[in-house]
Amino acid sequence: MTHTGKTQVRFVSGIDGVFARPVQARDAALTTRFAVIQDSHVEGHDDMVFDEGLWRSLVQFASGLGERVEVVPRTGRRVRPQPLASWMETFDAAAPGDRGPPDLLLVHAGNHLKVCMVTEAWTQVGGPAPYHDSYTYAFFSAQELGRDIVAHLERCNGDGCWDLSSEIITVSPGKAPGIIRRVLDWLR
C-alpha cells in the first residue's frame, strides 16, 4: 500500500476487558494478550486506511507459530473456520479497496489452539482510548509474544512506512465489561 504519510502503530500488553476475548481463546486457556494498534487515519488519505502490509506481516508472524492456520471471516454461531490459503485466494482476488481483515486467525500446533489473532475493528465504532478509530490486532496466547511481535515488525519495516511506537502500554481489566463486550458475549 502506498501512503503519503506513515501508518502510526502502537502496542498494548494485557487484557483490559474492553473487547470480549473470543470463545476460542477462552476455551484454549489463552490468557495473555498483546495488541498491535494500527491508526486508521493516515496523512494524505481522506478515508480510513486498512494497512494491508502491516496485516500481512502480522499474519506471517502468527503463521510461523504453528502448523495449521485457519480463518474465521466473521464471527457468529454458524461460521466455520477455513484454511488460511483458501481464504487468502478470495482475499487477493478482491479489489484492494474491498479488502479487510478477518475477525479471527487461529493458529494450531497439533490439535491445540496456540494463538488466536483477533481483529478488533474499532474503525466501525470509534472506541475508547487507546483503540479509537483503529484496526487493532490482538494476539491471545499462553505465553507473552509482545517482544517477538515488535521485533518482527521492526525487521519488516525496511521501507519505513510504519511509525512503530517505542513504548508498550500496559492495561488491566479494571471495571465491569462495557456495552460492547456485553453485546459480543450475547452474540456468541
C-alpha atoms as a PDB file:
ATOM      1  CA  MET A   1       0.000   0.000   0.000  1.00  0.00           C
ATOM      2  CA  THR A   2       1.363   3.413  -0.917  1.00  0.00           C
ATOM      3  CA  HIS A   3       0.947   6.217   1.608  1.00  0.00           C
ATOM      4  CA  THR A   4       1.883   9.858   1.594  1.00  0.00           C
ATOM      5  CA  GLY A   5       2.156   9.589   5.396  1.00  0.00           C
ATOM      6  CA  LYS A   6       3.269   6.845   7.737  1.00  0.00           C
ATOM      7  CA  THR A   7       0.887   4.445   9.446  1.00  0.00           C
ATOM      8  CA  GLN A   8       1.051   5.023  13.204  1.00  0.00           C
ATOM      9  CA  VAL A   9       1.384   1.752  15.154  1.00  0.00           C
ATOM     10  CA  ARG A  10       1.098   1.438  18.927  1.00  0.00           C
ATOM     11  CA  PHE A  11       1.266  -1.551  21.244  1.00  0.00           C
ATOM     12  CA  VAL A  12      -0.758  -2.705  24.255  1.00  0.00           C
ATOM     13  CA  SER A  13       0.013  -5.535  26.648  1.00  0.00           C
ATOM     14  CA  GLY A  14      -2.701  -7.015  28.846  1.00  0.00           C
ATOM     15  CA  ILE A  15      -6.391  -7.827  28.880  1.00  0.00           C
ATOM     16  CA  ASP A  16      -8.429  -4.744  29.726  1.00  0.00           C
ATOM     17  CA  GLY A  17     -11.978  -6.050  29.417  1.00  0.00           C
ATOM     18  CA  VAL A  18     -12.917  -3.525  26.723  1.00  0.00           C
ATOM     19  CA  PHE A  19     -13.268  -6.102  23.937  1.00  0.00           C
ATOM     20  CA  ALA A  20     -14.527  -9.620  24.601  1.00  0.00           C
ATOM     21  CA  ARG A  21     -11.959 -12.403  24.456  1.00  0.00           C
ATOM     22  CA  PRO A  22     -13.223 -14.817  21.796  1.00  0.00           C
ATOM     23  CA  VAL A  23     -14.657 -18.124  22.950  1.00  0.00           C
ATOM     24  CA  GLN A  24     -11.879 -19.971  21.094  1.00  0.00           C
ATOM     25  CA  ALA A  25      -9.228 -18.191  23.187  1.00  0.00           C
ATOM     26  CA  ARG A  26     -11.163 -18.768  26.418  1.00  0.00           C
ATOM     27  CA  ASP A  27     -11.662 -22.471  25.674  1.00  0.00           C
ATOM     28  CA  ALA A  28      -7.939 -22.909  24.912  1.00  0.00           C
ATOM     29  CA  ALA A  29      -6.913 -21.025  28.095  1.00  0.00           C
ATOM     30  CA  LEU A  30      -5.105 -18.332  26.093  1.00  0.00           C
ATOM     31  CA  THR A  31      -4.847 -15.746  28.852  1.00  0.00           C
ATOM     32  CA  THR A  32      -2.080 -13.462  27.581  1.00  0.00           C
ATOM     33  CA  ARG A  33      -2.920 -10.597  25.215  1.00  0.00           C
ATOM     34  CA  PHE A  34      -0.668  -8.383  23.135  1.00  0.00           C
ATOM     35  CA  ALA A  35      -2.315  -5.912  20.764  1.00  0.00           C
ATOM     36  CA  VAL A  36      -0.982  -4.078  17.734  1.00  0.00           C
ATOM     37  CA  ILE A  37      -2.966  -0.875  17.152  1.00  0.00           C
ATOM     38  CA  GLN A  38      -2.953   0.475  13.602  1.00  0.00           C
ATOM     39  CA  ASP A  39      -4.333   4.005  13.497  1.00  0.00           C
ATOM     40  CA  SER A  40      -6.698   4.169  10.542  1.00  0.00           C
ATOM     41  CA  HIS A  41      -6.058   7.862   9.871  1.00  0.00           C
ATOM     42  CA  VAL A  42      -3.002   8.306   7.664  1.00  0.00           C
ATOM     43  CA  GLU A  43      -1.733  11.647   6.394  1.00  0.00           C
ATOM     44  CA  GLY A  44      -2.742  12.196   2.783  1.00  0.00           C
ATOM     45  CA  HIS A  45      -5.862   9.995   2.935  1.00  0.00           C
ATOM     46  CA  ASP A  46      -9.398  11.279   3.437  1.00  0.00           C
ATOM     47  CA  ASP A  47     -10.809   7.849   4.304  1.00  0.00           C
ATOM     48  CA  MET A  48      -9.776   5.379   6.973  1.00  0.00           C
ATOM     49  CA  VAL A  49      -6.854   3.198   5.901  1.00  0.00           C
ATOM     50  CA  PHE A  50      -6.514  -0.562   6.317  1.00  0.00           C
ATOM     51  CA  ASP A  51      -2.741  -1.088   6.147  1.00  0.00           C
ATOM     52  CA  GLU A  52      -2.703  -4.388   4.319  1.00  0.00           C
ATOM     53  CA  GLY A  53       1.097  -4.674   4.500  1.00  0.00           C
ATOM     54  CA  LEU A  54       1.035  -4.433   8.287  1.00  0.00           C
ATOM     55  CA  TRP A  55      -1.752  -7.007   8.491  1.00  0.00           C
ATOM     56  CA  ARG A  56       0.077  -9.404   6.147  1.00  0.00           C
ATOM     57  CA  SER A  57       3.210  -9.041   8.272  1.00  0.00           C
ATOM     58  CA  LEU A  58       1.225  -9.995  11.385  1.00  0.00           C
ATOM     59  CA  VAL A  59      -0.293 -12.987   9.562  1.00  0.00           C
ATOM     60  CA  GLN A  60       3.227 -14.056   8.577  1.00  0.00           C
ATOM     61  CA  PHE A  61       4.341 -13.808  12.215  1.00  0.00           C
ATOM     62  CA  ALA A  62       1.326 -15.741  13.506  1.00  0.00           C
ATOM     63  CA  SER A  63       1.655 -18.424  10.826  1.00  0.00           C
ATOM     64  CA  GLY A  64       5.194 -19.142  11.988  1.00  0.00           C
ATOM     65  CA  LEU A  65       3.914 -20.105  15.440  1.00  0.00           C
ATOM     66  CA  GLY A  66       2.070 -23.261  14.426  1.00  0.00           C
ATOM     67  CA  GLU A  67       1.474 -25.947  11.858  1.00  0.00           C
ATOM     68  CA  ARG A  68      -2.054 -25.102  10.743  1.00  0.00           C
ATOM     69  CA  VAL A  69      -3.712 -21.706  10.347  1.00  0.00           C
ATOM     70  CA  GLU A  70      -7.435 -21.123   9.941  1.00  0.00           C
ATOM     71  CA  VAL A  71      -9.502 -18.019   9.315  1.00  0.00           C
ATOM     72  CA  VAL A  72     -12.905 -17.121  10.710  1.00  0.00           C
ATOM     73  CA  PRO A  73     -14.018 -14.318   8.345  1.00  0.00           C
ATOM     74  CA  ARG A  74     -16.887 -13.121  10.561  1.00  0.00           C
ATOM     75  CA  THR A  75     -17.670 -14.463  13.995  1.00  0.00           C
ATOM     76  CA  GLY A  76     -21.063 -15.965  14.558  1.00  0.00           C
ATOM     77  CA  ARG A  77     -22.754 -19.137  15.651  1.00  0.00           C
ATOM     78  CA  ARG A  78     -22.741 -20.841  12.271  1.00  0.00           C
ATOM     79  CA  VAL A  79     -19.425 -19.676  10.852  1.00  0.00           C
ATOM     80  CA  ARG A  80     -16.825 -22.394  10.391  1.00  0.00           C
ATOM     81  CA  PRO A  81     -13.082 -21.792  10.141  1.00  0.00           C
ATOM     82  CA  GLN A  82     -11.447 -22.247   6.751  1.00  0.00           C
ATOM     83  CA  PRO A  83      -7.801 -22.806   5.818  1.00  0.00           C
ATOM     84  CA  LEU A  84      -5.747 -19.619   5.522  1.00  0.00           C
ATOM     85  CA  ALA A  85      -4.589 -20.462   1.978  1.00  0.00           C
ATOM     86  CA  SER A  86      -8.121 -20.768   0.578  1.00  0.00           C
ATOM     87  CA  TRP A  87      -9.296 -17.632   2.396  1.00  0.00           C
ATOM     88  CA  MET A  88      -6.287 -15.709   1.031  1.00  0.00           C
ATOM     89  CA  GLU A  89      -7.224 -16.674  -2.540  1.00  0.00           C
ATOM     90  CA  THR A  90     -10.568 -14.927  -2.108  1.00  0.00           C
ATOM     91  CA  PHE A  91      -8.944 -12.004  -0.296  1.00  0.00           C
ATOM     92  CA  ASP A  92      -6.327 -11.499  -3.036  1.00  0.00           C
ATOM     93  CA  ALA A  93      -8.999 -11.704  -5.765  1.00  0.00           C
ATOM     94  CA  ALA A  94     -10.936  -8.790  -4.235  1.00  0.00           C
ATOM     95  CA  ALA A  95     -10.243  -5.220  -5.300  1.00  0.00           C
ATOM     96  CA  PRO A  96      -7.770  -3.556  -2.874  1.00  0.00           C
ATOM     97  CA  GLY A  97     -10.428  -1.121  -1.636  1.00  0.00           C
ATOM     98  CA  ASP A  98     -12.753  -4.034  -0.810  1.00  0.00           C
ATOM     99  CA  ARG A  99     -10.234  -5.957   1.292  1.00  0.00           C
ATOM    100  CA  GLY A 100     -10.335  -6.116   5.047  1.00  0.00           C
ATOM    101  CA  PRO A 101      -9.012  -8.366   7.778  1.00  0.00           C
ATOM    102  CA  PRO A 102     -10.979 -11.374   9.038  1.00  0.00           C
ATOM    103  CA  ASP A 103     -12.339 -11.435  12.563  1.00  0.00           C
ATOM    104  CA  LEU A 104     -10.121 -14.305  13.711  1.00  0.00           C
ATOM    105  CA  LEU A 105      -6.929 -16.069  12.736  1.00  0.00           C
ATOM    106  CA  LEU A 106      -6.498 -19.385  14.577  1.00  0.00           C
ATOM    107  CA  VAL A 107      -3.015 -20.925  14.786  1.00  0.00           C
ATOM    108  CA  HIS A 108      -2.845 -24.582  15.778  1.00  0.00           C
ATOM    109  CA  ALA A 109       0.081 -26.695  16.977  1.00  0.00           C
ATOM    110  CA  GLY A 110      -1.087 -30.261  16.547  1.00  0.00           C
ATOM    111  CA  ASN A 111      -4.633 -30.443  17.894  1.00  0.00           C
ATOM    112  CA  HIS A 112      -4.211 -27.461  20.199  1.00  0.00           C
ATOM    113  CA  LEU A 113      -5.020 -23.822  19.543  1.00  0.00           C
ATOM    114  CA  LYS A 114      -1.754 -21.994  20.205  1.00  0.00           C
ATOM    115  CA  VAL A 115      -2.565 -18.425  19.129  1.00  0.00           C
ATOM    116  CA  CYS A 116      -5.724 -16.530  18.294  1.00  0.00           C
ATOM    117  CA  MET A 117      -5.304 -13.214  16.447  1.00  0.00           C
ATOM    118  CA  VAL A 118      -8.467 -11.153  16.797  1.00  0.00           C
ATOM    119  CA  THR A 119      -9.281  -8.109  14.678  1.00  0.00           C
ATOM    120  CA  GLU A 120     -10.861  -5.526  16.937  1.00  0.00           C
ATOM    121  CA  ALA A 121     -12.379  -3.250  14.297  1.00  0.00           C
ATOM    122  CA  TRP A 122     -12.637  -0.009  16.209  1.00  0.00           C
ATOM    123  CA  THR A 123     -12.863   1.800  12.864  1.00  0.00           C
ATOM    124  CA  GLN A 124     -16.554   0.978  12.786  1.00  0.00           C
ATOM    125  CA  VAL A 125     -17.480   2.214  16.268  1.00  0.00           C
ATOM    126  CA  GLY A 126     -14.865   4.771  17.322  1.00  0.00           C
ATOM    127  CA  GLY A 127     -13.929   3.058  20.571  1.00  0.00           C
ATOM    128  CA  PRO A 128     -12.166   4.023  23.779  1.00  0.00           C
ATOM    129  CA  ALA A 129      -8.554   5.152  24.076  1.00  0.00           C
ATOM    130  CA  PRO A 130      -6.091   3.835  23.011  1.00  0.00           C
ATOM    131  CA  TYR A 131      -8.143   1.942  20.384  1.00  0.00           C
ATOM    132  CA  HIS A 132     -10.193   4.799  18.936  1.00  0.00           C
ATOM    133  CA  ASP A 133     -10.508   4.657  15.112  1.00  0.00           C
ATOM    134  CA  SER A 134      -8.079   1.770  14.726  1.00  0.00           C
ATOM    135  CA  TYR A 135      -7.647  -1.694  13.393  1.00  0.00           C
ATOM    136  CA  THR A 136      -6.410  -3.476  16.498  1.00  0.00           C
ATOM    137  CA  TYR A 137      -4.910  -6.947  16.123  1.00  0.00           C
ATOM    138  CA  ALA A 138      -4.971  -8.681  19.490  1.00  0.00           C
ATOM    139  CA  PHE A 139      -2.867 -11.821  19.916  1.00  0.00           C
ATOM    140  CA  PHE A 140      -4.126 -14.210  22.591  1.00  0.00           C
ATOM    141  CA  SER A 141      -1.662 -16.892  23.637  1.00  0.00           C
ATOM    142  CA  ALA A 142      -0.462 -18.872  26.638  1.00  0.00           C
ATOM    143  CA  GLN A 143       2.879 -17.036  26.701  1.00  0.00           C
ATOM    144  CA  GLU A 144       3.893 -13.414  26.154  1.00  0.00           C
ATOM    145  CA  LEU A 145       4.512 -12.628  22.459  1.00  0.00           C
ATOM    146  CA  GLY A 146       4.931  -8.849  22.621  1.00  0.00           C
ATOM    147  CA  ARG A 147       8.688  -8.515  22.221  1.00  0.00           C
ATOM    148  CA  ASP A 148       8.722 -11.053  19.387  1.00  0.00           C
ATOM    149  CA  ILE A 149       5.901  -9.252  17.556  1.00  0.00           C
ATOM    150  CA  VAL A 150       7.597  -5.858  17.885  1.00  0.00           C
ATOM    151  CA  ALA A 151      10.937  -7.302  16.707  1.00  0.00           C
ATOM    152  CA  HIS A 152       9.208  -8.925  13.706  1.00  0.00           C
ATOM    153  CA  LEU A 153       7.563  -5.642  12.710  1.00  0.00           C
ATOM    154  CA  GLU A 154      10.851  -3.766  13.082  1.00  0.00           C
ATOM    155  CA  ARG A 155      12.512  -6.276  10.701  1.00  0.00           C
ATOM    156  CA  CYS A 156       9.628  -5.957   8.210  1.00  0.00           C
ATOM    157  CA  ASN A 157       9.644  -2.148   8.291  1.00  0.00           C
ATOM    158  CA  GLY A 158      12.585  -1.780   5.909  1.00  0.00           C
ATOM    159  CA  ASP A 159      10.814   0.832   3.787  1.00  0.00           C
ATOM    160  CA  GLY A 160       9.811   2.773   6.904  1.00  0.00           C
ATOM    161  CA  CYS A 161       6.103   3.069   6.061  1.00  0.00           C
ATOM    162  CA  TRP A 162       5.124   2.347   9.681  1.00  0.00           C
ATOM    163  CA  ASP A 163       5.855   4.624  12.603  1.00  0.00           C
ATOM    164  CA  LEU A 164       6.268   1.987  15.317  1.00  0.00           C
ATOM    165  CA  SER A 165       5.861   3.258  18.872  1.00  0.00           C
ATOM    166  CA  SER A 166       8.842   2.705  21.146  1.00  0.00           C
ATOM    167  CA  GLU A 167       6.629   2.135  24.167  1.00  0.00           C
ATOM    168  CA  ILE A 168       4.190  -0.603  25.152  1.00  0.00           C
ATOM    169  CA  ILE A 169       1.054   0.473  27.016  1.00  0.00           C
ATOM    170  CA  THR A 170       0.148  -1.881  29.870  1.00  0.00           C
ATOM    171  CA  VAL A 171      -3.551  -2.341  30.648  1.00  0.00           C
ATOM    172  CA  SER A 172      -5.601  -4.383  33.120  1.00  0.00           C
ATOM    173  CA  PRO A 173      -9.268  -5.374  33.488  1.00  0.00           C
ATOM    174  CA  GLY A 174     -10.463  -2.566  35.727  1.00  0.00           C
ATOM    175  CA  LYS A 175     -14.235  -2.057  35.710  1.00  0.00           C
ATOM    176  CA  ALA A 176     -17.076  -4.379  34.703  1.00  0.00           C
ATOM    177  CA  PRO A 177     -17.418  -5.119  30.976  1.00  0.00           C
ATOM    178  CA  GLY A 178     -18.757  -2.300  28.840  1.00  0.00           C
ATOM    179  CA  ILE A 179     -21.708  -2.422  26.461  1.00  0.00           C
ATOM    180  CA  ILE A 180     -19.580  -3.621  23.524  1.00  0.00           C
ATOM    181  CA  ARG A 181     -18.331  -6.633  25.457  1.00  0.00           C
ATOM    182  CA  ARG A 182     -21.837  -7.490  26.700  1.00  0.00           C
ATOM    183  CA  VAL A 183     -23.220  -7.352  23.147  1.00  0.00           C
ATOM    184  CA  LEU A 184     -20.394  -9.507  21.781  1.00  0.00           C
ATOM    185  CA  ASP A 185     -20.849 -12.081  24.564  1.00  0.00           C
ATOM    186  CA  TRP A 186     -24.576 -12.154  23.806  1.00  0.00           C
ATOM    187  CA  LEU A 187     -23.895 -12.847  20.102  1.00  0.00           C
ATOM    188  CA  ARG A 188     -21.804 -15.931  20.899  1.00  0.00           C
END
